[in-house]
């Protein structure tokens, strides 16, 4: 009996020691999960590609600057049950991040996003420059001409100018600039369809593309937002009576990179598809990326009999119904008479 009792005590002690060891391990693991991870830099960034296995994700974090054991990090991912729920994306961590918080960030897909502002009234060439300068954005469109670009966004054979909606676009680090352009193109298609459906029944514009072209001109000619409807009204009135649009921005667009900032009389007299002094109707394509406000203005312009307008010099315009009044306005505001 003595030997049996002694054996039971040994087993009991062993079990107790095992339970204590397990408890100590669990306590250490719990403490590790709740303690901030050491970082080798003020911030650590990582882009996770789709399909990256959890073990590789753990190693990538360590390689990027998280100062811990990659196997330890992987085992946490594994035993949490969430390893397969880690989402691809671009992430950034700062001091104070714990292993629990790190995994939660990736499972919820709380990425670090960048943004790029693509302004209204700008040309596609200017937008391309903005995209090229945007941080952490792959320049996939850099080698594409306009035709190839339109094929890439799903509208082959269409012109590129004016086809993209101006806005501020957020994106994940490391994505292609085509991702942003596809979103901008889809947004313009939606807005154009909606505004065209709400057009005035007596509009002289024949197609949605007509509206897009005229909106791009109105965008360039508007000095103040509250006058956009009147500017659109002037151009719509001219189209109704067959009067040339006679707008400088189209001539400037036609000059392209040769324009040096000074529009000369010879430029206005030189025939070309974008010279609306020499040719009637709309130019062949938009000349800028129009805003939603410009689209709405051209399909439902402000009621006006004006056929002319001239800048007053303070951002506003003087509108006139006839040429005599317009000439007087030009003398007053442009020639200082």
Protein backbone atom coordinates (compact mmCIF):
# COMPACT_ATOMS: atom_id res chain seq x y z
CA UNK A 1 0.00 0.00 0.00
CA UNK A 2 2.89 2.31 0.77
CA UNK A 3 4.33 1.95 -2.71
CA UNK A 4 0.90 2.48 -4.28
CA UNK A 5 0.31 5.59 -2.19
CA UNK A 6 3.73 6.91 -3.13
CA UNK A 7 3.00 6.28 -6.83
CA UNK A 8 -0.31 8.12 -6.60
CA UNK A 9 1.44 11.06 -4.99
CA UNK A 10 4.00 11.13 -7.79
CA UNK A 11 1.26 11.05 -10.40
CA UNK A 12 -0.65 13.78 -8.57
CA UNK A 13 2.48 15.94 -8.38
CA UNK A 14 3.17 15.34 -12.07
CA UNK A 15 -0.36 16.26 -13.02
CA UNK A 16 -0.21 19.33 -10.82
CA UNK A 17 3.12 20.29 -12.36
CA UNK A 18 1.68 19.80 -15.84
CA UNK A 19 -1.35 21.90 -15.02
CA UNK A 20 0.88 24.57 -13.52
CA UNK A 21 3.16 24.52 -16.56
CA UNK A 22 0.18 24.77 -18.89
CA UNK A 23 -1.19 27.64 -16.83
CA UNK A 24 2.16 29.40 -16.92
CA UNK A 25 2.38 28.90 -20.68
CA UNK A 26 -1.18 30.16 -21.13
CA UNK A 27 -0.45 33.17 -18.92
CA UNK A 28 2.72 33.93 -20.88
CA UNK A 29 0.86 33.57 -24.17
CA UNK A 30 -1.94 35.82 -22.94
CA UNK A 31 0.60 38.37 -21.75
CA UNK A 32 2.43 38.24 -25.12
CA UNK A 33 -0.82 38.72 -27.03
CA UNK A 34 -1.62 41.82 -24.97
CA UNK A 35 1.84 43.40 -24.98
CA UNK A 36 2.87 45.90 -27.71
CA UNK A 37 5.14 44.43 -30.33
CA UNK A 38 8.60 45.93 -30.67
CA UNK A 39 9.09 47.75 -33.99
CA UNK A 40 12.38 48.50 -35.70
CA UNK A 41 11.01 51.74 -37.18
CA UNK A 42 8.48 54.41 -36.13
CA UNK A 43 5.99 52.85 -38.53
CA UNK A 44 6.06 49.51 -40.32
CA UNK A 45 4.28 49.04 -43.65
CA UNK A 46 3.36 45.84 -45.44
CA UNK A 47 1.40 45.03 -48.60
CA UNK A 48 -0.14 41.56 -48.58
CA UNK A 49 -0.85 40.09 -51.97
CA UNK A 50 -3.95 37.93 -52.52
CA UNK A 51 -3.29 34.27 -51.76
CA UNK A 52 -0.33 34.85 -49.42
CA UNK A 53 -0.27 31.98 -46.85
CA UNK A 54 -0.43 32.89 -43.14
CA UNK A 55 3.12 31.68 -42.45
CA UNK A 56 4.44 33.94 -45.21
CA UNK A 57 2.41 36.84 -43.80
CA UNK A 58 4.04 36.35 -40.39
CA UNK A 59 7.51 36.23 -41.94
CA UNK A 60 6.76 39.32 -44.05
CA UNK A 61 5.83 41.34 -40.96
CA UNK A 62 9.10 40.38 -39.30
CA UNK A 63 11.07 41.21 -42.44
CA UNK A 64 9.27 44.57 -42.67
CA UNK A 65 10.25 45.58 -39.14
CA UNK A 66 8.13 43.83 -36.48
CA UNK A 67 10.71 42.59 -33.95
CA UNK A 68 9.38 39.19 -32.91
CA UNK A 69 9.73 35.57 -33.90
CA UNK A 70 7.99 34.73 -37.17
CA UNK A 71 7.04 31.24 -35.92
CA UNK A 72 5.51 32.73 -32.77
CA UNK A 73 3.48 35.15 -34.86
CA UNK A 74 2.39 32.41 -37.24
CA UNK A 75 1.30 30.12 -34.40
CA UNK A 76 -0.85 32.93 -33.05
CA UNK A 77 -2.49 33.36 -36.46
CA UNK A 78 -3.04 29.62 -36.65
CA UNK A 79 -4.41 28.96 -33.17
CA UNK A 80 -6.68 32.01 -33.26
CA UNK A 81 -8.73 30.28 -35.95
CA UNK A 82 -8.55 33.43 -38.11
CA UNK A 83 -5.46 32.65 -40.17
CA UNK A 84 -7.45 32.00 -43.33
CA UNK A 85 -9.48 35.18 -42.85
CA UNK A 86 -6.47 37.50 -43.27
CA UNK A 87 -7.25 39.89 -46.12
CA UNK A 88 -4.92 41.11 -48.80
CA UNK A 89 -4.18 44.83 -48.71
CA UNK A 90 -1.79 47.54 -47.57
CA UNK A 91 -1.30 47.90 -43.83
CA UNK A 92 0.64 50.20 -41.55
CA UNK A 93 1.33 49.67 -37.84
CA UNK A 94 2.71 52.02 -35.21
CA UNK A 95 4.13 51.59 -31.70
CA UNK A 96 1.50 50.17 -29.35
CA UNK A 97 0.22 47.52 -31.76
CA UNK A 98 -0.23 44.13 -30.07
CA UNK A 99 -0.31 40.71 -31.76
CA UNK A 100 -4.04 40.59 -31.11
CA UNK A 101 -4.56 44.04 -32.67
CA UNK A 102 -2.33 43.19 -35.64
CA UNK A 103 -4.36 40.10 -36.53
CA UNK A 104 -7.63 41.95 -35.98
CA UNK A 105 -6.48 44.71 -38.36
CA UNK A 106 -5.76 42.19 -41.14
CA UNK A 107 -8.91 40.14 -40.57
CA UNK A 108 -11.10 43.25 -40.74
CA UNK A 109 -9.15 44.61 -43.70
CA UNK A 110 -8.42 47.97 -42.07
CA UNK A 111 -5.97 49.07 -44.71
CA UNK A 112 -3.87 52.20 -44.90
CA UNK A 113 -5.26 54.12 -47.85
CA UNK A 114 -3.80 56.84 -50.01
CA UNK A 115 -5.81 59.33 -52.05
CA UNK A 116 -5.41 61.36 -55.21
CA UNK A 117 -7.36 64.44 -56.23
CA UNK A 118 -8.37 64.48 -59.91
CA UNK A 119 -9.79 67.98 -60.40
CA UNK A 120 -12.62 69.16 -62.62
CA UNK A 121 -11.62 71.31 -65.57
CA UNK A 122 -8.31 69.50 -65.97
CA UNK A 123 -7.34 67.53 -69.06
CA UNK A 124 -6.44 63.88 -69.24
CA UNK A 125 -2.81 64.85 -69.75
CA UNK A 126 -2.91 66.76 -66.46
CA UNK A 127 -4.63 63.84 -64.76
CA UNK A 128 -1.93 61.47 -65.97
CA UNK A 129 0.69 63.71 -64.37
CA UNK A 130 -1.27 63.73 -61.09
CA UNK A 131 -1.53 59.94 -61.13
CA UNK A 132 2.17 59.59 -61.86
CA UNK A 133 2.95 61.73 -58.81
CA UNK A 134 0.49 59.94 -56.50
CA UNK A 135 2.20 57.94 -53.72
CA UNK A 136 2.26 54.14 -53.79
CA UNK A 137 0.34 53.92 -57.08
CA UNK A 138 1.66 51.64 -59.83
CA UNK A 139 1.91 53.54 -63.16
CA UNK A 140 0.31 50.84 -65.32
CA UNK A 141 -1.21 53.40 -67.70
CA UNK A 142 2.06 55.22 -68.35
CA UNK A 143 2.83 53.29 -71.52
CA UNK A 144 -0.71 53.38 -72.90
CA UNK A 145 -1.90 55.86 -75.49
CA UNK A 146 -5.47 57.15 -75.26
CA UNK A 147 -6.87 54.36 -77.45
CA UNK A 148 -5.22 51.65 -75.38
CA UNK A 149 -6.33 53.36 -72.19
CA UNK A 150 -9.97 53.34 -73.25
CA UNK A 151 -9.69 49.67 -74.17
CA UNK A 152 -8.24 48.99 -70.72
CA UNK A 153 -11.17 50.67 -68.94
CA UNK A 154 -13.70 48.81 -71.07
CA UNK A 155 -14.71 51.37 -73.70
CA UNK A 156 -12.62 50.62 -76.79
CA UNK A 157 -12.95 52.99 -79.72
CA UNK A 158 -14.14 55.95 -77.62
CA UNK A 159 -12.19 59.15 -77.07
CA UNK A 160 -10.53 59.47 -73.66
CA UNK A 161 -10.83 63.19 -72.90
CA UNK A 162 -13.76 63.98 -70.63
CA UNK A 163 -14.64 60.34 -70.00
CA UNK A 164 -13.51 60.29 -66.36
CA UNK A 165 -15.31 61.84 -63.40
CA UNK A 166 -13.35 64.38 -61.32
CA UNK A 167 -13.22 63.53 -57.62
CA UNK A 168 -10.88 62.52 -54.80
CA UNK A 169 -10.19 58.79 -55.04
CA UNK A 170 -8.90 56.65 -52.18
CA UNK A 171 -6.90 53.56 -53.05
CA UNK A 172 -4.87 50.79 -51.45
CA UNK A 173 -1.13 51.11 -51.62
CA UNK A 174 0.43 49.22 -54.48
CA UNK A 175 -2.62 49.09 -56.75
CA UNK A 176 -2.50 50.14 -60.38
CA UNK A 177 -3.50 53.62 -61.53
CA UNK A 178 -5.84 51.80 -63.91
CA UNK A 179 -7.86 50.83 -60.84
CA UNK A 180 -8.45 54.52 -60.10
CA UNK A 181 -9.18 55.36 -63.75
CA UNK A 182 -11.67 52.51 -64.07
CA UNK A 183 -13.56 53.86 -61.05
CA UNK A 184 -13.47 57.40 -62.46
CA UNK A 185 -14.72 56.15 -65.84
CA UNK A 186 -17.57 54.15 -64.28
CA UNK A 187 -18.55 57.18 -62.18
CA UNK A 188 -18.69 59.44 -65.25
CA UNK A 189 -20.83 56.89 -67.11
CA UNK A 190 -23.31 56.81 -64.21
CA UNK A 191 -23.50 60.60 -63.82
CA UNK A 192 -23.77 61.20 -67.54
CA UNK A 193 -26.61 58.69 -67.90
CA UNK A 194 -28.50 60.19 -64.96
CA UNK A 195 -28.16 63.80 -66.12
CA UNK A 196 -29.02 62.95 -69.71
CA UNK A 197 -32.20 61.21 -68.56
CA UNK A 198 -33.19 64.44 -66.76
CA UNK A 199 -32.52 66.79 -69.71
CA UNK A 200 -34.93 69.52 -70.75
CA UNK A 201 -37.26 68.32 -73.54
CA UNK A 202 -36.31 71.23 -75.81
CA UNK A 203 -32.55 70.77 -75.47
CA UNK A 204 -30.63 71.18 -78.76
CA UNK A 205 -28.17 68.54 -77.57
CA UNK A 206 -28.72 65.32 -79.51
CA UNK A 207 -26.70 62.74 -77.59
CA UNK A 208 -25.12 62.20 -74.16
CA UNK A 209 -21.75 62.82 -75.83
CA UNK A 210 -22.99 66.26 -76.90
CA UNK A 211 -23.78 66.99 -73.26
CA UNK A 212 -20.34 65.80 -72.18
CA UNK A 213 -18.61 68.01 -74.75
CA UNK A 214 -20.60 71.12 -73.87
CA UNK A 215 -20.20 70.50 -70.13
CA UNK A 216 -16.42 70.41 -70.59
CA UNK A 217 -16.57 73.84 -72.24
CA UNK A 218 -18.85 75.28 -69.56
CA UNK A 219 -16.45 73.94 -66.92
CA UNK A 220 -13.59 75.91 -68.46
CA UNK A 221 -15.63 79.07 -69.04
CA UNK A 222 -17.25 79.37 -65.60
CA UNK A 223 -15.63 81.83 -63.21
CA UNK A 224 -18.23 81.50 -60.46
CA UNK A 225 -20.29 78.46 -59.58
CA UNK A 226 -23.52 80.44 -59.34
CA UNK A 227 -23.13 81.56 -62.98
CA UNK A 228 -22.63 78.08 -64.41
CA UNK A 229 -26.27 77.79 -65.49
CA UNK A 230 -26.14 81.14 -67.28
CA UNK A 231 -22.92 80.26 -69.09
CA UNK A 232 -24.56 77.03 -70.21
CA UNK A 233 -27.63 79.01 -71.27
CA UNK A 234 -25.54 81.25 -73.53
CA UNK A 235 -23.97 78.30 -75.33
CA UNK A 236 -27.28 76.47 -75.65
CA UNK A 237 -28.83 79.63 -77.14
CA UNK A 238 -26.01 79.84 -79.67
CA UNK A 239 -26.46 76.20 -80.65
CA UNK A 240 -30.20 76.76 -81.15
CA UNK A 241 -29.70 79.57 -83.67
CA UNK A 242 -26.63 78.09 -85.37
CA UNK A 243 -24.27 80.72 -84.00
CA UNK A 244 -20.63 79.63 -83.52
CA UNK A 245 -19.73 78.98 -79.89
CA UNK A 246 -16.69 81.28 -80.19
CA UNK A 247 -15.01 80.12 -77.01
CA UNK A 248 -11.29 80.53 -76.32
CA UNK A 249 -10.81 77.32 -74.26
CA UNK A 250 -11.56 75.11 -77.27
CA UNK A 251 -8.95 76.94 -79.36
CA UNK A 252 -6.43 76.60 -76.53
CA UNK A 253 -7.16 72.89 -76.25
CA UNK A 254 -6.61 72.49 -79.97
CA UNK A 255 -3.20 74.16 -79.69
CA UNK A 256 -2.15 71.51 -77.18
CA UNK A 257 1.32 71.73 -75.71
CA UNK A 258 2.26 74.47 -78.18
CA UNK A 259 0.08 76.95 -76.26
CA UNK A 260 2.39 79.30 -74.36
CA UNK A 261 -0.25 81.06 -72.28
CA UNK A 262 -0.91 83.82 -74.81
CA UNK A 263 -3.81 83.34 -77.25
CA UNK A 264 -3.10 85.37 -80.37
CA UNK A 265 -5.33 86.64 -83.19
CA UNK A 266 -3.66 84.28 -85.63
CA UNK A 267 -4.73 81.38 -83.39
CA UNK A 268 -8.35 82.49 -83.62
CA UNK A 269 -8.11 82.76 -87.40
CA UNK A 270 -6.42 79.42 -87.99
CA UNK A 271 -8.92 76.74 -88.96
CA UNK A 272 -9.00 73.53 -86.97
CA UNK A 273 -11.48 71.08 -85.43
CA UNK A 274 -11.35 72.82 -82.05
CA UNK A 275 -11.54 76.40 -83.37
CA UNK A 276 -15.12 77.31 -82.51
CA UNK A 277 -14.61 80.77 -84.05
CA UNK A 278 -14.10 79.20 -87.47
CA UNK A 279 -16.41 76.18 -87.20
CA UNK A 280 -20.00 75.91 -86.06
CA UNK A 281 -21.43 73.46 -83.59
CA UNK A 282 -19.55 71.50 -80.96
CA UNK A 283 -15.90 70.47 -81.18
CA UNK A 284 -15.25 66.77 -81.82
CA UNK A 285 -14.46 65.83 -78.20
CA UNK A 286 -14.60 67.31 -74.71
CA UNK A 287 -11.77 69.63 -73.76
CA UNK A 288 -11.65 68.85 -70.03
CA UNK A 289 -13.12 66.65 -67.31
CA UNK A 290 -16.47 68.27 -66.41
CA UNK A 291 -18.03 68.24 -62.97
CA UNK A 292 -21.49 66.97 -62.14
CA UNK A 293 -22.63 70.59 -61.78
CA UNK A 294 -21.50 71.34 -65.35
CA UNK A 295 -23.32 68.27 -66.69
CA UNK A 296 -26.50 69.33 -64.95
CA UNK A 297 -26.13 72.89 -66.20
CA UNK A 298 -25.96 71.99 -69.89
CA UNK A 299 -28.97 69.64 -69.86
CA UNK A 300 -31.05 72.15 -67.87
CA UNK A 301 -29.51 75.60 -68.37
CA UNK A 302 -30.73 78.71 -66.63
CA UNK A 303 -33.45 80.51 -68.61
CA UNK A 304 -31.81 83.44 -70.36
CA UNK A 305 -31.88 85.30 -73.68
CA UNK A 306 -28.20 86.15 -73.41
CA UNK A 307 -25.91 85.31 -76.32
CA UNK A 308 -22.74 86.86 -74.95
CA UNK A 309 -20.77 87.18 -71.74
CA UNK A 310 -17.51 88.82 -70.78
CA UNK A 311 -15.40 88.58 -67.62
CA UNK A 312 -15.68 91.56 -65.28
CA UNK A 313 -12.28 90.92 -63.76
CA UNK A 314 -13.55 89.87 -60.35
CA UNK A 315 -14.46 86.31 -61.26
CA UNK A 316 -17.97 87.16 -62.38
CA UNK A 317 -19.29 87.79 -65.90
CA UNK A 318 -21.45 90.39 -67.60
CA UNK A 319 -24.16 88.77 -69.75
CA UNK A 320 -25.67 90.51 -72.76
CA UNK A 321 -28.58 89.73 -75.08
CA UNK A 322 -27.18 91.49 -78.15
CA UNK A 323 -23.88 92.43 -79.72
CA UNK A 324 -24.14 96.19 -79.03
CA UNK A 325 -24.58 95.62 -75.29
CA UNK A 326 -21.78 93.07 -75.37
CA UNK A 327 -19.38 95.48 -77.07
CA UNK A 328 -20.13 98.09 -74.45
CA UNK A 329 -19.44 95.52 -71.73
CA UNK A 330 -16.17 94.56 -73.40
CA UNK A 331 -15.12 98.24 -73.56
CA UNK A 332 -16.00 98.71 -69.91
CA UNK A 333 -14.51 95.57 -68.38
CA UNK A 334 -11.76 94.53 -70.79
CA UNK A 335 -10.54 97.74 -72.42
CA UNK A 336 -11.05 100.08 -69.50
CA UNK A 337 -13.09 102.61 -71.48
